[in-house]
Amino acid sequence: MKNVRFDELKLGAKVGPVSYTVDETLIGSFKEAVEFNNPNAVAALPASAAPPTFTQTDYLRLFATTYGFLASGLHAKHETDLYAPVEAGMHLTIDAEIADLYERKGRDFWVMRYSAVNDGKVLVTHKMTSSIDRPQDDTPEPVPDDASVPSALAPDGPGRAVTLEQETKFASQYVQRFDGIQSEPPINAHTDVAYARSVGLPDIIAHSGMHYAWLAEAALSHLGPDFLRRGHLSAKFLSAAFPGDRLETVVEGNDAGLKLTVKNQRDDVVAIGNASLRDQ
């Protein structure tokens, strides 16, 4: 399938729907991929439920089904509202629309709103903002030293290490929901060292969906089970993370609202976010 281009997207266009049945395997694969292991968050999550951002990457299947696979771009912002846990045995329908299209500082951006529905009930809604790269006449200059040079290893310390293995696990878990469209993790800048270096990156780049899952895990840990039914989470993704980085989630605030930060071992900020509970 071809990569979708910005000029193929139309404001207000419906995307999807797609559907799949949630099972323990899908939930377990997601938990393993995002290293969902905060004790307070684990305790707040029902035994049969998926972590809060389980449906966040469903935009990838929506696009693959409706347009084709996404070209490269940057995930800029994301918002999520939670209304009920996603649990094993549910049959989810995901539908979406293109909510905005705009240009800023020479980049093209698209905004998608999408929701996960089970038996007529909305469980979670998302609003995603991402850029999409414009076609280039010139191939980016590859970074010297191809994939024969291994990815860097993160130093010991607090937080989670960015690794090719973990990024591949993250890609593998969402591909499990593609229902025959694709069975293997995509070859892209998140999963393939040679590809990443061929487009000018020093190594594979960490998937923003993983950072977003960590912010949600921190919110669930601090706000408790109510976050699954009336939680709001928003984030901006500010800089890239690569193998060799170790990322830590920092939480400030209280039940009235949390300020969340993902930073690396050099104190560079990778993502910022806010979490709160909507009024009853």
Protein backbone atom coordinates (compact mmCIF):
# COMPACT_ATOMS: atom_id res chain seq x y z
CA MET A 1 0.00 0.00 0.00
CA LYS A 2 1.19 3.50 -0.75
CA ASN A 3 1.97 6.17 1.83
CA VAL A 4 -0.80 8.71 2.28
CA ARG A 5 -0.05 12.32 1.24
CA PHE A 6 -1.32 15.49 2.86
CA ASP A 7 -3.24 16.58 -0.24
CA GLU A 8 -5.29 13.37 -0.08
CA LEU A 9 -6.72 14.31 3.33
CA LYS A 10 -10.00 16.23 3.36
CA LEU A 11 -11.38 18.25 6.24
CA GLY A 12 -14.35 16.47 7.81
CA ALA A 13 -13.64 13.21 5.99
CA LYS A 14 -14.71 10.06 7.82
CA VAL A 15 -11.93 7.57 8.49
CA GLY A 16 -12.82 3.95 9.22
CA PRO A 17 -14.52 2.43 11.00
CA VAL A 18 -12.42 -0.56 11.99
CA SER A 19 -13.23 -3.11 14.65
CA TYR A 20 -11.57 -5.84 16.67
CA THR A 21 -12.18 -7.94 19.76
CA VAL A 22 -10.04 -7.20 22.80
CA ASP A 23 -8.53 -10.27 24.43
CA GLU A 24 -5.99 -11.05 27.12
CA THR A 25 -3.24 -11.54 24.54
CA LEU A 26 -3.66 -8.02 23.11
CA ILE A 27 -3.79 -6.51 26.59
CA GLY A 28 -0.76 -8.47 27.74
CA SER A 29 1.26 -7.50 24.67
CA PHE A 30 0.46 -3.82 25.26
CA LYS A 31 1.42 -4.02 28.94
CA GLU A 32 4.72 -5.70 28.07
CA ALA A 33 5.50 -3.22 25.29
CA VAL A 34 4.98 -0.11 27.44
CA GLU A 35 6.38 -1.72 30.59
CA PHE A 36 3.19 -1.15 32.55
CA ASN A 37 4.51 -1.97 36.01
CA ASN A 38 3.91 0.96 38.38
CA PRO A 39 2.50 -0.77 41.50
CA ASN A 40 -0.13 1.89 42.21
CA ALA A 41 -1.28 1.92 38.57
CA VAL A 42 -1.42 -1.87 38.45
CA ALA A 43 -3.54 -1.88 41.63
CA ALA A 44 -5.92 0.75 40.19
CA LEU A 45 -6.53 -1.20 36.96
CA PRO A 46 -9.22 -3.93 36.98
CA ALA A 47 -7.75 -7.37 36.32
CA SER A 48 -9.43 -7.73 32.92
CA ALA A 49 -8.81 -4.14 31.76
CA ALA A 50 -6.27 -2.62 29.41
CA PRO A 51 -4.09 0.35 30.43
CA PRO A 52 -5.61 3.77 29.66
CA THR A 53 -3.94 4.43 26.28
CA PHE A 54 -4.47 0.96 24.82
CA THR A 55 -6.51 2.41 21.91
CA GLN A 56 -4.18 5.35 21.16
CA THR A 57 -2.37 3.71 18.24
CA ASP A 58 -5.60 2.58 16.55
CA TYR A 59 -5.23 5.61 14.27
CA LEU A 60 -2.58 3.59 12.43
CA ARG A 61 -5.08 0.90 11.42
CA LEU A 62 -7.68 3.54 10.57
CA PHE A 63 -5.25 5.15 8.15
CA ALA A 64 -3.99 1.87 6.73
CA THR A 65 -7.56 0.76 6.02
CA THR A 66 -8.81 4.05 4.58
CA TYR A 67 -5.82 5.68 2.87
CA GLY A 68 -2.69 3.55 3.10
CA PHE A 69 0.24 3.64 5.45
CA LEU A 70 1.31 6.96 6.89
CA ALA A 71 4.35 8.70 5.47
CA SER A 72 6.90 9.95 7.95
CA GLY A 73 5.93 12.83 10.18
CA LEU A 74 5.98 14.03 13.77
CA HIS A 75 3.36 13.32 16.41
CA ALA A 76 2.99 16.80 17.90
CA LYS A 77 0.12 16.65 20.41
CA HIS A 78 -2.43 14.24 21.82
CA GLU A 79 -5.51 14.43 24.04
CA THR A 80 -7.55 11.60 25.55
CA ASP A 81 -10.79 11.46 27.53
CA LEU A 82 -11.65 8.26 29.36
CA TYR A 83 -15.24 7.18 30.11
CA ALA A 84 -14.95 3.46 30.96
CA PRO A 85 -12.20 0.83 30.99
CA VAL A 86 -11.47 -1.21 27.87
CA GLU A 87 -11.74 -4.83 28.98
CA ALA A 88 -11.07 -8.29 27.58
CA GLY A 89 -14.07 -9.65 25.68
CA MET A 90 -15.22 -6.28 24.38
CA HIS A 91 -15.70 -5.81 20.64
CA LEU A 92 -14.46 -2.33 19.81
CA THR A 93 -15.47 -0.19 16.88
CA ILE A 94 -13.09 2.67 16.15
CA ASP A 95 -14.23 5.50 13.92
CA ALA A 96 -12.71 8.85 13.17
CA GLU A 97 -12.82 12.05 11.20
CA ILE A 98 -10.23 14.54 9.99
CA ALA A 99 -10.95 17.45 12.33
CA ASP A 100 -8.42 19.99 11.05
CA LEU A 101 -5.76 20.52 8.38
CA TYR A 102 -3.29 23.38 8.55
CA GLU A 103 0.20 24.58 7.67
CA ARG A 104 2.60 26.06 10.22
CA LYS A 105 6.24 27.03 9.80
CA GLY A 106 6.53 25.17 6.53
CA ARG A 107 5.03 21.92 7.83
CA ASP A 108 1.65 20.34 7.09
CA PHE A 109 -0.43 19.16 10.05
CA TRP A 110 -3.52 16.98 10.32
CA VAL A 111 -5.81 16.52 13.31
CA MET A 112 -7.84 13.36 13.81
CA ARG A 113 -10.62 12.78 16.34
CA TYR A 114 -11.40 9.13 16.98
CA SER A 115 -13.29 7.10 19.53
CA ALA A 116 -13.53 3.53 20.78
CA VAL A 117 -17.09 2.24 21.21
CA ASN A 118 -18.33 -1.01 22.72
CA ASP A 119 -22.01 -2.02 22.46
CA GLY A 120 -23.00 1.56 21.68
CA LYS A 121 -21.07 3.08 24.60
CA VAL A 122 -18.11 5.41 24.08
CA LEU A 123 -15.21 4.19 26.20
CA VAL A 124 -12.45 6.59 25.16
CA THR A 125 -11.95 9.49 22.75
CA HIS A 126 -8.71 10.77 21.24
CA LYS A 127 -7.61 13.92 19.47
CA MET A 128 -4.29 13.54 17.70
CA THR A 129 -2.21 16.23 15.97
CA SER A 130 0.64 15.20 13.70
CA SER A 131 2.68 16.57 10.86
CA ILE A 132 3.06 14.67 7.61
CA ASP A 133 6.22 15.08 5.59
CA ARG A 134 6.02 16.63 2.14
CA PRO A 135 7.44 14.72 -0.82
CA GLN A 136 11.06 15.60 -1.39
CA ASP A 137 12.96 15.59 -4.64
CA ASP A 138 16.21 14.88 -2.83
CA THR A 139 16.84 11.86 -0.67
CA PRO A 140 18.07 12.89 2.80
CA GLU A 141 21.78 12.44 3.34
CA PRO A 142 22.20 9.18 5.25
CA VAL A 143 24.04 9.20 8.54
CA PRO A 144 27.51 7.63 8.27
CA ASP A 145 27.87 4.15 9.70
CA ASP A 146 24.90 2.04 8.72
CA ALA A 147 23.11 -0.69 10.65
CA SER A 148 26.38 -2.60 11.14
CA VAL A 149 26.93 -0.15 14.02
CA PRO A 150 24.68 -1.33 16.86
CA SER A 151 22.26 0.90 18.70
CA ALA A 152 23.63 2.55 21.82
CA LEU A 153 22.87 1.17 25.27
CA ALA A 154 21.31 3.41 27.88
CA PRO A 155 23.27 4.03 31.09
CA ASP A 156 22.06 2.57 34.37
CA GLY A 157 19.77 4.81 36.36
CA PRO A 158 16.13 5.65 37.01
CA GLY A 159 13.49 5.42 34.33
CA ARG A 160 13.11 3.28 31.22
CA ALA A 161 15.74 2.59 28.59
CA VAL A 162 15.01 3.25 24.91
CA THR A 163 15.90 0.06 23.03
CA LEU A 164 15.28 -1.41 19.60
CA GLU A 165 13.78 -4.47 21.29
CA GLN A 166 11.18 -2.44 23.18
CA GLU A 167 10.26 -0.29 20.17
CA THR A 168 9.76 -3.46 18.12
CA LYS A 169 7.51 -4.87 20.84
CA PHE A 170 5.44 -1.70 20.73
CA ALA A 171 5.03 -1.94 16.96
CA SER A 172 4.25 -5.66 17.16
CA GLN A 173 1.42 -5.20 19.65
CA TYR A 174 -0.56 -2.76 17.54
CA VAL A 175 0.01 -4.75 14.35
CA GLN A 176 -1.79 -7.66 16.06
CA ARG A 177 -5.00 -5.64 15.60
CA PHE A 178 -4.50 -5.13 11.84
CA ASP A 179 -6.54 -8.23 10.96
CA GLY A 180 -4.61 -9.39 7.91
CA ILE A 181 -3.55 -5.97 6.60
CA GLN A 182 -0.08 -6.52 8.02
CA SER A 183 1.31 -9.27 10.21
CA GLU A 184 4.85 -8.05 10.92
CA PRO A 185 6.05 -4.80 12.54
CA PRO A 186 6.44 -2.10 9.90
CA ILE A 187 9.89 -1.18 8.66
CA ASN A 188 10.24 2.45 9.69
CA ALA A 189 12.30 4.83 11.78
CA HIS A 190 10.98 3.24 15.00
CA THR A 191 11.87 -0.36 14.20
CA ASP A 192 14.70 -0.50 11.68
CA VAL A 193 18.16 0.96 12.29
CA ALA A 194 19.16 0.98 8.62
CA TYR A 195 15.94 2.75 7.62
CA ALA A 196 16.32 5.36 10.36
CA ARG A 197 19.90 6.13 9.34
CA SER A 198 18.94 6.24 5.66
CA VAL A 199 16.62 9.20 6.39
CA GLY A 200 19.23 11.09 8.38
CA LEU A 201 18.53 9.97 11.93
CA PRO A 202 21.35 8.76 14.16
CA ASP A 203 19.40 5.67 15.20
CA ILE A 204 15.84 4.43 15.60
CA ILE A 205 13.57 7.01 17.21
CA ALA A 206 11.38 6.22 20.21
CA HIS A 207 7.63 6.06 19.52
CA SER A 208 5.68 8.90 21.14
CA GLY A 209 2.91 6.42 21.94
CA MET A 210 5.21 4.86 24.52
CA HIS A 211 5.84 8.20 26.23
CA TYR A 212 2.09 8.83 26.20
CA ALA A 213 1.43 5.45 27.85
CA TRP A 214 3.89 6.35 30.60
CA LEU A 215 2.15 9.66 31.24
CA ALA A 216 -1.17 7.82 31.50
CA GLU A 217 0.35 5.23 33.84
CA ALA A 218 1.60 8.04 36.10
CA ALA A 219 -1.82 9.69 36.04
CA LEU A 220 -3.56 6.43 36.94
CA SER A 221 -1.07 5.86 39.74
CA HIS A 222 -1.76 9.28 41.30
CA LEU A 223 -5.46 9.78 40.50
CA GLY A 224 -6.61 6.20 41.04
CA PRO A 225 -9.45 4.20 39.43
CA ASP A 226 -11.55 7.34 38.80
CA PHE A 227 -9.07 8.22 36.06
CA LEU A 228 -10.40 5.30 33.99
CA ARG A 229 -13.94 6.74 33.99
CA ARG A 230 -13.48 10.50 33.99
CA GLY A 231 -9.84 11.10 33.25
CA HIS A 232 -8.47 13.69 30.84
CA LEU A 233 -4.89 13.49 29.56
CA SER A 234 -3.07 15.80 27.17
CA ALA A 235 0.52 15.91 25.99
CA LYS A 236 2.95 17.68 23.70
CA PHE A 237 5.94 15.84 22.26
CA LEU A 238 8.90 18.20 22.23
CA SER A 239 12.03 16.29 21.29
CA ALA A 240 13.23 12.92 20.08
CA ALA A 241 14.61 10.06 22.14
CA PHE A 242 17.01 7.40 20.84
CA PRO A 243 18.75 4.25 22.08
CA GLY A 244 21.27 5.42 24.66
CA ASP A 245 18.58 7.51 26.35
CA ARG A 246 16.93 6.60 29.62
CA LEU A 247 13.59 8.29 30.15
CA GLU A 248 11.99 9.17 33.46
CA THR A 249 8.45 10.38 34.13
CA VAL A 250 8.20 13.22 36.65
CA VAL A 251 4.89 14.07 38.35
CA GLU A 252 3.96 17.33 40.06
CA GLY A 253 0.62 18.42 41.49
CA ASN A 254 -2.28 16.77 43.31
CA ASP A 255 -5.80 15.42 42.76
CA ALA A 256 -6.86 18.79 41.32
CA GLY A 257 -4.44 18.33 38.42
CA LEU A 258 -1.10 16.84 37.55
CA LYS A 259 1.79 18.26 35.56
CA LEU A 260 3.70 15.45 33.85
CA THR A 261 7.14 15.48 32.25
CA VAL A 262 9.18 12.85 30.43
CA LYS A 263 12.88 13.72 30.44
CA ASN A 264 16.12 11.94 29.64
CA GLN A 265 19.24 11.41 31.72
CA ARG A 266 20.57 14.82 30.57
CA ASP A 267 17.37 16.52 31.82
CA ASP A 268 16.28 17.25 28.24
CA VAL A 269 12.48 17.37 28.13
CA VAL A 270 11.01 14.86 25.67
CA ALA A 271 7.30 15.32 26.45
CA ILE A 272 5.08 17.35 28.73
CA GLY A 273 1.51 16.67 29.74
CA ASN A 274 -1.38 17.37 32.07
CA ALA A 275 -3.85 15.00 33.68
CA SER A 276 -7.01 15.65 35.65
CA LEU A 277 -10.44 14.29 36.52
CA ARG A 278 -13.52 15.72 34.85
CA ASP A 279 -16.41 16.73 37.11
CA GLN A 280 -18.99 14.02 37.72
